[in-house]
Structures are given as structure tokens and as C-alpha cells.
PDB file of N, CA and C in Angstrom:
ATOM      1  N   MET A   1       9.033 -22.243 -15.939  1.00  0.00           N
ATOM      2  CA  MET A   1       7.772 -22.615 -15.329  1.00  0.00           C
ATOM      3  C   MET A   1       7.770 -22.319 -13.824  1.00  0.00           C
ATOM      4  N   LYS A   2       8.906 -22.595 -13.143  1.00  0.00           N
ATOM      5  CA  LYS A   2       8.989 -22.325 -11.707  1.00  0.00           C
ATOM      6  C   LYS A   2       8.790 -20.843 -11.417  1.00  0.00           C
ATOM      7  N   PHE A   3       9.428 -19.979 -12.239  1.00  0.00           N
ATOM      8  CA  PHE A   3       9.305 -18.536 -12.044  1.00  0.00           C
ATOM      9  C   PHE A   3       7.854 -18.094 -12.174  1.00  0.00           C
ATOM     10  N   LEU A   4       7.154 -18.586 -13.191  1.00  0.00           N
ATOM     11  CA  LEU A   4       5.761 -18.224 -13.416  1.00  0.00           C
ATOM     12  C   LEU A   4       4.893 -18.660 -12.246  1.00  0.00           C
ATOM     13  N   LEU A   5       5.078 -19.874 -11.774  1.00  0.00           N
ATOM     14  CA  LEU A   5       4.304 -20.383 -10.645  1.00  0.00           C
ATOM     15  C   LEU A   5       4.594 -19.573  -9.380  1.00  0.00           C
ATOM     16  N   ARG A   6       5.869 -19.267  -9.148  1.00  0.00           N
ATOM     17  CA  ARG A   6       6.252 -18.484  -7.966  1.00  0.00           C
ATOM     18  C   ARG A   6       5.637 -17.089  -8.041  1.00  0.00           C
ATOM     19  N   ASN A   7       5.604 -16.499  -9.239  1.00  0.00           N
ATOM     20  CA  ASN A   7       5.029 -15.176  -9.445  1.00  0.00           C
ATOM     21  C   ASN A   7       3.520 -15.184  -9.175  1.00  0.00           C
ATOM     22  N   ILE A   8       2.833 -16.224  -9.612  1.00  0.00           N
ATOM     23  CA  ILE A   8       1.386 -16.348  -9.372  1.00  0.00           C
ATOM     24  C   ILE A   8       1.111 -16.490  -7.889  1.00  0.00           C
ATOM     25  N   VAL A   9       1.873 -17.327  -7.208  1.00  0.00           N
ATOM     26  CA  VAL A   9       1.706 -17.516  -5.764  1.00  0.00           C
ATOM     27  C   VAL A   9       1.969 -16.209  -5.038  1.00  0.00           C
ATOM     28  N   SER A  10       3.000 -15.467  -5.455  1.00  0.00           N
ATOM     29  CA  SER A  10       3.332 -14.190  -4.833  1.00  0.00           C
ATOM     30  C   SER A  10       2.184 -13.188  -5.000  1.00  0.00           C
ATOM     31  N   ARG A  11       1.589 -13.139  -6.183  1.00  0.00           N
ATOM     32  CA  ARG A  11       0.458 -12.235  -6.416  1.00  0.00           C
ATOM     33  C   ARG A  11      -0.747 -12.615  -5.563  1.00  0.00           C
ATOM     34  N   GLU A  12      -0.986 -13.919  -5.421  1.00  0.00           N
ATOM     35  CA  GLU A  12      -2.101 -14.378  -4.588  1.00  0.00           C
ATOM     36  C   GLU A  12      -1.882 -13.970  -3.132  1.00  0.00           C
ATOM     37  N   LYS A  13      -0.660 -14.140  -2.636  1.00  0.00           N
ATOM     38  CA  LYS A  13      -0.335 -13.729  -1.263  1.00  0.00           C
ATOM     39  C   LYS A  13      -0.513 -12.225  -1.107  1.00  0.00           C
ATOM     40  N   GLY A  14      -0.076 -11.465  -2.112  1.00  0.00           N
ATOM     41  CA  GLY A  14      -0.237 -10.011  -2.078  1.00  0.00           C
ATOM     42  C   GLY A  14      -1.699  -9.600  -2.050  1.00  0.00           C
ATOM     43  N   ALA A  15      -2.524 -10.261  -2.852  1.00  0.00           N
ATOM     44  CA  ALA A  15      -3.959  -9.952  -2.889  1.00  0.00           C
ATOM     45  C   ALA A  15      -4.620 -10.259  -1.550  1.00  0.00           C
ATOM     46  N   ILE A  16      -4.220 -11.355  -0.920  1.00  0.00           N
ATOM     47  CA  ILE A  16      -4.771 -11.714   0.394  1.00  0.00           C
ATOM     48  C   ILE A  16      -4.366 -10.662   1.426  1.00  0.00           C
ATOM     49  N   ALA A  17      -3.099 -10.250   1.412  1.00  0.00           N
ATOM     50  CA  ALA A  17      -2.612  -9.233   2.357  1.00  0.00           C
ATOM     51  C   ALA A  17      -3.336  -7.902   2.133  1.00  0.00           C
ATOM     52  N   GLU A  18      -3.540  -7.514   0.876  1.00  0.00           N
ATOM     53  CA  GLU A  18      -4.231  -6.252   0.582  1.00  0.00           C
ATOM     54  C   GLU A  18      -5.685  -6.300   1.032  1.00  0.00           C
ATOM     55  N   LYS A  19      -6.333  -7.448   0.903  1.00  0.00           N
ATOM     56  CA  LYS A  19      -7.722  -7.596   1.382  1.00  0.00           C
ATOM     57  C   LYS A  19      -7.761  -7.437   2.901  1.00  0.00           C
ATOM     58  N   LYS A  20      -6.842  -8.092   3.608  1.00  0.00           N
ATOM     59  CA  LYS A  20      -6.768  -7.962   5.069  1.00  0.00           C
ATOM     60  C   LYS A  20      -6.511  -6.511   5.467  1.00  0.00           C
ATOM     61  N   ALA A  21      -5.598  -5.856   4.749  1.00  0.00           N
ATOM     62  CA  ALA A  21      -5.269  -4.457   5.046  1.00  0.00           C
ATOM     63  C   ALA A  21      -6.474  -3.563   4.793  1.00  0.00           C
ATOM     64  N   GLY A  22      -7.198  -3.790   3.707  1.00  0.00           N
ATOM     65  CA  GLY A  22      -8.394  -3.005   3.402  1.00  0.00           C
ATOM     66  C   GLY A  22      -9.454  -3.180   4.478  1.00  0.00           C
ATOM     67  N   ASP A  23      -9.670  -4.410   4.915  1.00  0.00           N
ATOM     68  CA  ASP A  23     -10.633  -4.671   5.993  1.00  0.00           C
ATOM     69  C   ASP A  23     -10.210  -3.972   7.283  1.00  0.00           C
ATOM     70  N   PHE A  24      -8.921  -4.017   7.573  1.00  0.00           N
ATOM     71  CA  PHE A  24      -8.360  -3.355   8.752  1.00  0.00           C
ATOM     72  C   PHE A  24      -8.663  -1.858   8.709  1.00  0.00           C
ATOM     73  N   LEU A  25      -8.428  -1.240   7.546  1.00  0.00           N
ATOM     74  CA  LEU A  25      -8.672   0.199   7.412  1.00  0.00           C
ATOM     75  C   LEU A  25     -10.154   0.523   7.536  1.00  0.00           C
ATOM     76  N   LYS A  26     -11.005  -0.262   6.893  1.00  0.00           N
ATOM     77  CA  LYS A  26     -12.455  -0.029   6.964  1.00  0.00           C
ATOM     78  C   LYS A  26     -12.947  -0.085   8.406  1.00  0.00           C
ATOM     79  N   GLN A  27     -12.438  -1.041   9.186  1.00  0.00           N
ATOM     80  CA  GLN A  27     -12.825  -1.171  10.592  1.00  0.00           C
ATOM     81  C   GLN A  27     -12.432   0.059  11.405  1.00  0.00           C
ATOM     82  N   ARG A  28     -11.478   0.817  10.907  1.00  0.00           N
ATOM     83  CA  ARG A  28     -11.001   2.021  11.598  1.00  0.00           C
ATOM     84  C   ARG A  28     -11.537   3.305  10.973  1.00  0.00           C
ATOM     85  N   GLY A  29     -12.580   3.177  10.168  1.00  0.00           N
ATOM     86  CA  GLY A  29     -13.263   4.352   9.642  1.00  0.00           C
ATOM     87  C   GLY A  29     -12.731   4.911   8.338  1.00  0.00           C
ATOM     88  N   PHE A  30     -11.846   4.209   7.672  1.00  0.00           N
ATOM     89  CA  PHE A  30     -11.329   4.655   6.385  1.00  0.00           C
ATOM     90  C   PHE A  30     -12.305   4.252   5.274  1.00  0.00           C
ATOM     91  N   GLU A  31     -12.395   5.082   4.264  1.00  0.00           N
ATOM     92  CA  GLU A  31     -13.140   4.743   3.058  1.00  0.00           C
ATOM     93  C   GLU A  31     -12.110   4.354   1.995  1.00  0.00           C
ATOM     94  N   ILE A  32     -12.229   3.167   1.469  1.00  0.00           N
ATOM     95  CA  ILE A  32     -11.301   2.725   0.429  1.00  0.00           C
ATOM     96  C   ILE A  32     -11.720   3.370  -0.889  1.00  0.00           C
ATOM     97  N   ILE A  33     -10.812   4.112  -1.484  1.00  0.00           N
ATOM     98  CA  ILE A  33     -11.076   4.758  -2.763  1.00  0.00           C
ATOM     99  C   ILE A  33     -10.680   3.831  -3.904  1.00  0.00           C
ATOM    100  N   GLU A  34      -9.528   3.164  -3.745  1.00  0.00           N
ATOM    101  CA  GLU A  34      -9.023   2.346  -4.839  1.00  0.00           C
ATOM    102  C   GLU A  34      -7.968   1.372  -4.338  1.00  0.00           C
ATOM    103  N   TYR A  35      -7.967   0.191  -4.945  1.00  0.00           N
ATOM    104  CA  TYR A  35      -6.901  -0.787  -4.735  1.00  0.00           C
ATOM    105  C   TYR A  35      -6.032  -0.814  -5.986  1.00  0.00           C
ATOM    106  N   ASN A  36      -4.754  -1.021  -5.818  1.00  0.00           N
ATOM    107  CA  ASN A  36      -3.808  -1.275  -6.906  1.00  0.00           C
ATOM    108  C   ASN A  36      -3.850  -0.229  -8.023  1.00  0.00           C
ATOM    109  N   PHE A  37      -3.555   1.004  -7.669  1.00  0.00           N
ATOM    110  CA  PHE A  37      -3.433   2.048  -8.676  1.00  0.00           C
ATOM    111  C   PHE A  37      -2.053   1.925  -9.315  1.00  0.00           C
ATOM    112  N   PHE A  38      -2.033   1.739 -10.634  1.00  0.00           N
ATOM    113  CA  PHE A  38      -0.787   1.573 -11.370  1.00  0.00           C
ATOM    114  C   PHE A  38      -0.473   2.810 -12.200  1.00  0.00           C
ATOM    115  N   SER A  39       0.793   3.118 -12.308  1.00  0.00           N
ATOM    116  CA  SER A  39       1.282   4.124 -13.243  1.00  0.00           C
ATOM    117  C   SER A  39       2.599   3.591 -13.801  1.00  0.00           C
ATOM    118  N   LYS A  40       3.187   4.323 -14.725  1.00  0.00           N
ATOM    119  CA  LYS A  40       4.476   3.886 -15.255  1.00  0.00           C
ATOM    120  C   LYS A  40       5.576   3.970 -14.200  1.00  0.00           C
ATOM    121  N   TYR A  41       5.307   4.671 -13.110  1.00  0.00           N
ATOM    122  CA  TYR A  41       6.302   4.845 -12.049  1.00  0.00           C
ATOM    123  C   TYR A  41       6.243   3.741 -10.998  1.00  0.00           C
ATOM    124  N   GLY A  42       5.066   3.159 -10.809  1.00  0.00           N
ATOM    125  CA  GLY A  42       4.917   2.144  -9.781  1.00  0.00           C
ATOM    126  C   GLY A  42       3.464   1.908  -9.445  1.00  0.00           C
ATOM    127  N   GLU A  43       3.242   1.335  -8.276  1.00  0.00           N
ATOM    128  CA  GLU A  43       1.904   0.966  -7.837  1.00  0.00           C
ATOM    129  C   GLU A  43       1.673   1.467  -6.423  1.00  0.00           C
ATOM    130  N   ILE A  44       0.433   1.832  -6.161  1.00  0.00           N
ATOM    131  CA  ILE A  44      -0.002   2.124  -4.800  1.00  0.00           C
ATOM    132  C   ILE A  44      -1.023   1.061  -4.451  1.00  0.00           C
ATOM    133  N   ASP A  45      -0.769   0.333  -3.360  1.00  0.00           N
ATOM    134  CA  ASP A  45      -1.613  -0.799  -3.014  1.00  0.00           C
ATOM    135  C   ASP A  45      -3.033  -0.382  -2.650  1.00  0.00           C
ATOM    136  N   ILE A  46      -3.153   0.620  -1.775  1.00  0.00           N
ATOM    137  CA  ILE A  46      -4.481   1.072  -1.339  1.00  0.00           C
ATOM    138  C   ILE A  46      -4.474   2.599  -1.248  1.00  0.00           C
ATOM    139  N   ILE A  47      -5.537   3.186  -1.760  1.00  0.00           N
ATOM    140  CA  ILE A  47      -5.766   4.623  -1.581  1.00  0.00           C
ATOM    141  C   ILE A  47      -7.044   4.736  -0.771  1.00  0.00           C
ATOM    142  N   ALA A  48      -6.955   5.419   0.370  1.00  0.00           N
ATOM    143  CA  ALA A  48      -8.088   5.505   1.285  1.00  0.00           C
ATOM    144  C   ALA A  48      -8.258   6.949   1.761  1.00  0.00           C
ATOM    145  N   LEU A  49      -9.437   7.223   2.274  1.00  0.00           N
ATOM    146  CA  LEU A  49      -9.761   8.567   2.752  1.00  0.00           C
ATOM    147  C   LEU A  49     -10.294   8.482   4.178  1.00  0.00           C
ATOM    148  N   LYS A  50      -9.787   9.364   5.022  1.00  0.00           N
ATOM    149  CA  LYS A  50     -10.311   9.492   6.388  1.00  0.00           C
ATOM    150  C   LYS A  50     -10.052  10.919   6.854  1.00  0.00           C
ATOM    151  N   ASP A  51     -11.087  11.549   7.393  1.00  0.00           N
ATOM    152  CA  ASP A  51     -10.987  12.916   7.918  1.00  0.00           C
ATOM    153  C   ASP A  51     -10.419  13.888   6.885  1.00  0.00           C
ATOM    154  N   ASN A  52     -10.859  13.740   5.638  1.00  0.00           N
ATOM    155  CA  ASN A  52     -10.421  14.590   4.520  1.00  0.00           C
ATOM    156  C   ASN A  52      -8.918  14.548   4.268  1.00  0.00           C
ATOM    157  N   ILE A  53      -8.298  13.449   4.622  1.00  0.00           N
ATOM    158  CA  ILE A  53      -6.891  13.208   4.312  1.00  0.00           C
ATOM    159  C   ILE A  53      -6.826  11.944   3.460  1.00  0.00           C
ATOM    160  N   VAL A  54      -6.114  12.029   2.347  1.00  0.00           N
ATOM    161  CA  VAL A  54      -5.934  10.869   1.484  1.00  0.00           C
ATOM    162  C   VAL A  54      -4.716  10.087   1.987  1.00  0.00           C
ATOM    163  N   HIS A  55      -4.924   8.810   2.188  1.00  0.00           N
ATOM    164  CA  HIS A  55      -3.865   7.924   2.674  1.00  0.00           C
ATOM    165  C   HIS A  55      -3.449   6.994   1.540  1.00  0.00           C
ATOM    166  N   PHE A  56      -2.186   7.080   1.144  1.00  0.00           N
ATOM    167  CA  PHE A  56      -1.617   6.177   0.154  1.00  0.00           C
ATOM    168  C   PHE A  56      -0.902   5.093   0.954  1.00  0.00           C
ATOM    169  N   VAL A  57      -1.415   3.875   0.866  1.00  0.00           N
ATOM    170  CA  VAL A  57      -0.982   2.809   1.771  1.00  0.00           C
ATOM    171  C   VAL A  57      -0.196   1.733   1.029  1.00  0.00           C
ATOM    172  N   GLU A  58       1.005   1.485   1.514  1.00  0.00           N
ATOM    173  CA  GLU A  58       1.848   0.387   1.018  1.00  0.00           C
ATOM    174  C   GLU A  58       1.608  -0.814   1.921  1.00  0.00           C
ATOM    175  N   VAL A  59       1.310  -1.962   1.330  1.00  0.00           N
ATOM    176  CA  VAL A  59       1.032  -3.179   2.094  1.00  0.00           C
ATOM    177  C   VAL A  59       2.180  -4.162   1.874  1.00  0.00           C
ATOM    178  N   LYS A  60       2.729  -4.644   2.964  1.00  0.00           N
ATOM    179  CA  LYS A  60       3.794  -5.647   2.907  1.00  0.00           C
ATOM    180  C   LYS A  60       3.449  -6.768   3.875  1.00  0.00           C
ATOM    181  N   SER A  61       3.766  -7.994   3.473  1.00  0.00           N
ATOM    182  CA  SER A  61       3.520  -9.126   4.363  1.00  0.00           C
ATOM    183  C   SER A  61       4.725 -10.048   4.351  1.00  0.00           C
ATOM    184  N   GLY A  62       4.846 -10.826   5.411  1.00  0.00           N
ATOM    185  CA  GLY A  62       5.953 -11.760   5.502  1.00  0.00           C
ATOM    186  C   GLY A  62       5.738 -12.775   6.600  1.00  0.00           C
ATOM    187  N   VAL A  63       6.487 -13.829   6.514  1.00  0.00           N
ATOM    188  CA  VAL A  63       6.456 -14.878   7.528  1.00  0.00           C
ATOM    189  C   VAL A  63       7.866 -14.986   8.100  1.00  0.00           C
ATOM    190  N   ASN A  64       7.959 -14.860   9.395  1.00  0.00           N
ATOM    191  CA  ASN A  64       9.233 -14.974  10.115  1.00  0.00           C
ATOM    192  C   ASN A  64      10.254 -13.895   9.753  1.00  0.00           C
ATOM    193  N   PHE A  65       9.786 -12.756   9.253  1.00  0.00           N
ATOM    194  CA  PHE A  65      10.640 -11.583   9.089  1.00  0.00           C
ATOM    195  C   PHE A  65       9.736 -10.358   9.104  1.00  0.00           C
ATOM    196  N   ASN A  66      10.266  -9.231   9.508  1.00  0.00           N
ATOM    197  CA  ASN A  66       9.474  -8.015   9.567  1.00  0.00           C
ATOM    198  C   ASN A  66       9.428  -7.384   8.180  1.00  0.00           C
ATOM    199  N   PRO A  67       8.241  -7.366   7.545  1.00  0.00           N
ATOM    200  CA  PRO A  67       8.144  -6.863   6.176  1.00  0.00           C
ATOM    201  C   PRO A  67       8.389  -5.359   6.036  1.00  0.00           C
ATOM    202  N   VAL A  68       8.448  -4.635   7.129  1.00  0.00           N
ATOM    203  CA  VAL A  68       8.711  -3.198   7.042  1.00  0.00           C
ATOM    204  C   VAL A  68      10.064  -2.941   6.372  1.00  0.00           C
ATOM    205  N   TYR A  69      10.983  -3.890   6.496  1.00  0.00           N
ATOM    206  CA  TYR A  69      12.312  -3.715   5.893  1.00  0.00           C
ATOM    207  C   TYR A  69      12.280  -3.804   4.367  1.00  0.00           C
ATOM    208  N   ALA A  70      11.147  -4.222   3.815  1.00  0.00           N
ATOM    209  CA  ALA A  70      10.988  -4.260   2.354  1.00  0.00           C
ATOM    210  C   ALA A  70      10.573  -2.891   1.799  1.00  0.00           C
ATOM    211  N   ILE A  71      10.320  -1.935   2.688  1.00  0.00           N
ATOM    212  CA  ILE A  71       9.974  -0.580   2.266  1.00  0.00           C
ATOM    213  C   ILE A  71      11.260   0.241   2.281  1.00  0.00           C
ATOM    214  N   THR A  72      11.825   0.387   1.123  1.00  0.00           N
ATOM    215  CA  THR A  72      13.119   1.051   0.989  1.00  0.00           C
ATOM    216  C   THR A  72      12.940   2.495   0.519  1.00  0.00           C
ATOM    217  N   ALA A  73      14.025   3.240   0.560  1.00  0.00           N
ATOM    218  CA  ALA A  73      13.991   4.620   0.061  1.00  0.00           C
ATOM    219  C   ALA A  73      13.625   4.637  -1.427  1.00  0.00           C
ATOM    220  N   LYS A  74      14.125   3.678  -2.179  1.00  0.00           N
ATOM    221  CA  LYS A  74      13.806   3.579  -3.609  1.00  0.00           C
ATOM    222  C   LYS A  74      12.311   3.311  -3.807  1.00  0.00           C
ATOM    223  N   LYS A  75      11.738   2.464  -2.962  1.00  0.00           N
ATOM    224  CA  LYS A  75      10.300   2.165  -3.037  1.00  0.00           C
ATOM    225  C   LYS A  75       9.495   3.434  -2.731  1.00  0.00           C
ATOM    226  N   ILE A  76       9.889   4.176  -1.719  1.00  0.00           N
ATOM    227  CA  ILE A  76       9.195   5.421  -1.368  1.00  0.00           C
ATOM    228  C   ILE A  76       9.298   6.422  -2.515  1.00  0.00           C
ATOM    229  N   GLU A  77      10.452   6.468  -3.158  1.00  0.00           N
ATOM    230  CA  GLU A  77      10.640   7.370  -4.296  1.00  0.00           C
ATOM    231  C   GLU A  77       9.640   7.037  -5.415  1.00  0.00           C
ATOM    232  N   ARG A  78       9.469   5.748  -5.715  1.00  0.00           N
ATOM    233  CA  ARG A  78       8.499   5.334  -6.740  1.00  0.00           C
ATOM    234  C   ARG A  78       7.070   5.644  -6.318  1.00  0.00           C
ATOM    235  N   ILE A  79       6.787   5.448  -5.033  1.00  0.00           N
ATOM    236  CA  ILE A  79       5.441   5.757  -4.519  1.00  0.00           C
ATOM    237  C   ILE A  79       5.165   7.252  -4.665  1.00  0.00           C
ATOM    238  N   LEU A  80       6.130   8.082  -4.317  1.00  0.00           N
ATOM    239  CA  LEU A  80       5.945   9.530  -4.427  1.00  0.00           C
ATOM    240  C   LEU A  80       5.678   9.962  -5.868  1.00  0.00           C
ATOM    241  N   LYS A  81       6.405   9.383  -6.821  1.00  0.00           N
ATOM    242  CA  LYS A  81       6.154   9.699  -8.227  1.00  0.00           C
ATOM    243  C   LYS A  81       4.750   9.267  -8.638  1.00  0.00           C
ATOM    244  N   THR A  82       4.333   8.109  -8.163  1.00  0.00           N
ATOM    245  CA  THR A  82       2.993   7.614  -8.481  1.00  0.00           C
ATOM    246  C   THR A  82       1.924   8.486  -7.834  1.00  0.00           C
ATOM    247  N   ILE A  83       2.170   8.951  -6.617  1.00  0.00           N
ATOM    248  CA  ILE A  83       1.231   9.860  -5.945  1.00  0.00           C
ATOM    249  C   ILE A  83       1.091  11.158  -6.736  1.00  0.00           C
ATOM    250  N   LYS A  84       2.195  11.716  -7.158  1.00  0.00           N
ATOM    251  CA  LYS A  84       2.140  12.960  -7.942  1.00  0.00           C
ATOM    252  C   LYS A  84       1.315  12.761  -9.211  1.00  0.00           C
ATOM    253  N   TYR A  85       1.491  11.625  -9.860  1.00  0.00           N
ATOM    254  CA  TYR A  85       0.715  11.319 -11.053  1.00  0.00           C
ATOM    255  C   TYR A  85      -0.770  11.184 -10.707  1.00  0.00           C
ATOM    256  N   TYR A  86      -1.076  10.476  -9.620  1.00  0.00           N
ATOM    257  CA  TYR A  86      -2.464  10.294  -9.178  1.00  0.00           C
ATOM    258  C   TYR A  86      -3.118  11.647  -8.885  1.00  0.00           C
ATOM    259  N   ILE A  87      -2.412  12.509  -8.185  1.00  0.00           N
ATOM    260  CA  ILE A  87      -2.941  13.836  -7.838  1.00  0.00           C
ATOM    261  C   ILE A  87      -3.230  14.634  -9.105  1.00  0.00           C
ATOM    262  N   LEU A  88      -2.316  14.601 -10.043  1.00  0.00           N
ATOM    263  CA  LEU A  88      -2.506  15.313 -11.304  1.00  0.00           C
ATOM    264  C   LEU A  88      -3.686  14.740 -12.095  1.00  0.00           C
ATOM    265  N   LEU A  89      -3.745  13.436 -12.190  1.00  0.00           N
ATOM    266  CA  LEU A  89      -4.795  12.751 -12.941  1.00  0.00           C
ATOM    267  C   LEU A  89      -6.182  13.022 -12.370  1.00  0.00           C
ATOM    268  N   ASN A  90      -6.269  13.130 -11.045  1.00  0.00           N
ATOM    269  CA  ASN A  90      -7.562  13.282 -10.371  1.00  0.00           C
ATOM    270  C   ASN A  90      -7.831  14.690  -9.859  1.00  0.00           C
ATOM    271  N   SER A  91      -6.978  15.644 -10.211  1.00  0.00           N
ATOM    272  CA  SER A  91      -7.114  17.030  -9.737  1.00  0.00           C
ATOM    273  C   SER A  91      -7.374  17.061  -8.232  1.00  0.00           C
ATOM    274  N   LEU A  92      -6.600  16.295  -7.505  1.00  0.00           N
ATOM    275  CA  LEU A  92      -6.767  16.151  -6.059  1.00  0.00           C
ATOM    276  C   LEU A  92      -6.261  17.382  -5.339  1.00  0.00           C
ATOM    277  N   ASP A  93      -7.086  17.913  -4.454  1.00  0.00           N
ATOM    278  CA  ASP A  93      -6.714  19.104  -3.688  1.00  0.00           C
ATOM    279  C   ASP A  93      -6.969  18.854  -2.201  1.00  0.00           C
ATOM    280  N   LEU A  94      -6.441  17.758  -1.699  1.00  0.00           N
ATOM    281  CA  LEU A  94      -6.576  17.403  -0.288  1.00  0.00           C
ATOM    282  C   LEU A  94      -5.193  17.063   0.261  1.00  0.00           C
ATOM    283  N   PRO A  95      -5.017  17.220   1.557  1.00  0.00           N
ATOM    284  CA  PRO A  95      -3.737  16.776   2.136  1.00  0.00           C
ATOM    285  C   PRO A  95      -3.630  15.251   2.033  1.00  0.00           C
ATOM    286  N   TYR A  96      -2.404  14.766   2.019  1.00  0.00           N
ATOM    287  CA  TYR A  96      -2.210  13.327   1.925  1.00  0.00           C
ATOM    288  C   TYR A  96      -1.014  12.895   2.750  1.00  0.00           C
ATOM    289  N   CYS A  97      -0.931  11.592   2.968  1.00  0.00           N
ATOM    290  CA  CYS A  97       0.228  11.007   3.633  1.00  0.00           C
ATOM    291  C   CYS A  97       0.455   9.607   3.086  1.00  0.00           C
ATOM    292  N   ILE A  98       1.641   9.090   3.345  1.00  0.00           N
ATOM    293  CA  ILE A  98       1.980   7.720   2.986  1.00  0.00           C
ATOM    294  C   ILE A  98       1.980   6.897   4.269  1.00  0.00           C
ATOM    295  N   ASP A  99       1.239   5.804   4.233  1.00  0.00           N
ATOM    296  CA  ASP A  99       1.170   4.896   5.373  1.00  0.00           C
ATOM    297  C   ASP A  99       1.646   3.514   4.931  1.00  0.00           C
ATOM    298  N   ALA A 100       1.904   2.655   5.895  1.00  0.00           N
ATOM    299  CA  ALA A 100       2.249   1.266   5.595  1.00  0.00           C
ATOM    300  C   ALA A 100       1.441   0.356   6.504  1.00  0.00           C
ATOM    301  N   ILE A 101       1.025  -0.741   5.940  1.00  0.00           N
ATOM    302  CA  ILE A 101       0.441  -1.818   6.734  1.00  0.00           C
ATOM    303  C   ILE A 101       1.330  -3.026   6.518  1.00  0.00           C
ATOM    304  N   CYS A 102       1.879  -3.530   7.625  1.00  0.00           N
ATOM    305  CA  CYS A 102       2.756  -4.696   7.582  1.00  0.00           C
ATOM    306  C   CYS A 102       2.055  -5.853   8.276  1.00  0.00           C
ATOM    307  N   ILE A 103       1.991  -6.962   7.579  1.00  0.00           N
ATOM    308  CA  ILE A 103       1.355  -8.158   8.118  1.00  0.00           C
ATOM    309  C   ILE A 103       2.447  -9.212   8.276  1.00  0.00           C
ATOM    310  N   GLU A 104       2.726  -9.535   9.528  1.00  0.00           N
ATOM    311  CA  GLU A 104       3.785 -10.501   9.834  1.00  0.00           C
ATOM    312  C   GLU A 104       3.191 -11.631  10.651  1.00  0.00           C
ATOM    313  N   ASN A 105       3.239 -12.830  10.102  1.00  0.00           N
ATOM    314  CA  ASN A 105       2.685 -14.015  10.776  1.00  0.00           C
ATOM    315  C   ASN A 105       1.246 -13.770  11.230  1.00  0.00           C
ATOM    316  N   GLY A 106       0.468 -13.062  10.418  1.00  0.00           N
ATOM    317  CA  GLY A 106      -0.945 -12.810  10.715  1.00  0.00           C
ATOM    318  C   GLY A 106      -1.206 -11.587  11.576  1.00  0.00           C
ATOM    319  N   SER A 107      -0.176 -10.997  12.151  1.00  0.00           N
ATOM    320  CA  SER A 107      -0.319  -9.802  12.987  1.00  0.00           C
ATOM    321  C   SER A 107      -0.184  -8.545  12.127  1.00  0.00           C
ATOM    322  N   ILE A 108      -1.087  -7.581  12.341  1.00  0.00           N
ATOM    323  CA  ILE A 108      -1.107  -6.373  11.516  1.00  0.00           C
ATOM    324  C   ILE A 108      -0.542  -5.187  12.286  1.00  0.00           C
ATOM    325  N   SER A 109       0.398  -4.474  11.645  1.00  0.00           N
ATOM    326  CA  SER A 109       0.932  -3.230  12.188  1.00  0.00           C
ATOM    327  C   SER A 109       0.587  -2.117  11.208  1.00  0.00           C
ATOM    328  N   PHE A 110       0.111  -0.995  11.744  1.00  0.00           N
ATOM    329  CA  PHE A 110      -0.238   0.162  10.927  1.00  0.00           C
ATOM    330  C   PHE A 110       0.733   1.281  11.256  1.00  0.00           C
ATOM    331  N   ILE A 111       1.493   1.696  10.257  1.00  0.00           N
ATOM    332  CA  ILE A 111       2.497   2.746  10.439  1.00  0.00           C
ATOM    333  C   ILE A 111       2.017   3.952   9.635  1.00  0.00           C
ATOM    334  N   GLU A 112       1.670   5.012  10.343  1.00  0.00           N
ATOM    335  CA  GLU A 112       1.123   6.196   9.677  1.00  0.00           C
ATOM    336  C   GLU A 112       2.217   7.192   9.336  1.00  0.00           C
ATOM    337  N   ASN A 113       2.011   7.858   8.211  1.00  0.00           N
ATOM    338  CA  ASN A 113       2.842   8.991   7.790  1.00  0.00           C
ATOM    339  C   ASN A 113       4.322   8.655   7.754  1.00  0.00           C
ATOM    340  N   ILE A 114       4.687   7.667   6.950  1.00  0.00           N
ATOM    341  CA  ILE A 114       6.087   7.274   6.856  1.00  0.00           C
ATOM    342  C   ILE A 114       6.836   8.221   5.912  1.00  0.00           C
ATOM    343  N   THR A 115       8.080   8.446   6.225  1.00  0.00           N
ATOM    344  CA  THR A 115       8.951   9.276   5.392  1.00  0.00           C
ATOM    345  C   THR A 115      10.362   8.727   5.445  1.00  0.00           C
ATOM    346  N   PHE A 116      11.199   9.201   4.543  1.00  0.00           N
ATOM    347  CA  PHE A 116      12.617   8.862   4.536  1.00  0.00           C
ATOM    348  C   PHE A 116      13.415  10.126   4.465  1.00  0.00           C
TER     349      PHE A 116
END
């Protein structure tokens, strides 16, 4: 029961962070294409478009720690596989990048074009 409750709370926190991140992007001229795109490889939190570039955005949040450290090489590998699937599924022919939005203690950091 504790695991289930903790999982529900974690999803609620994630949804709140993704809403804040989406609002942040919209305020900066991004068009949100999709939230929470799932594939068998993983999930992309936000897919957005700006200046004919598709932005695949990973959202991380935390309290009293920098959530950027939760973006690992393994996580990027899963995101890349999911992006390839998304591109194939949607016949996408636009440049793209991977971005991160980290929300720490209510403060938002936008990291563009992350790589490993």
C-alpha cells in the first residue's frame, strides 16, 4: 500500500512539474505539440515546436537537490530511442534537439540542446 501511495504522489508531482514546464515554454513562444508521449522505449515529457525546430523536453523536479543529476546517460539513451520512434511514427522531417527543464524549490532552469 505504501508503494502505491508513494507512486501516486510521485505522478502528481510529475504532472504539476510538467504543467509548470509547459507554461514556461508557452511564455517563451513554444507551441506544445504533446505531453507524455510513450513508447516501449520510454517517455518524452513534452514535445514542443519553436522556429521550425522540434524540442523533446525532459522535465525533472526536486526539493533541496539539483534534479539535473537525475538525467543520466541511460535516460538520454531511452529518450533517443523514443525520439526515433516518434519521428518514424509521425514522418517528421524537421531538425530537433533534446532539452531539459529542471524545477528545484520552485525555480525553473531551462537547459537547451543537452547531449552526452
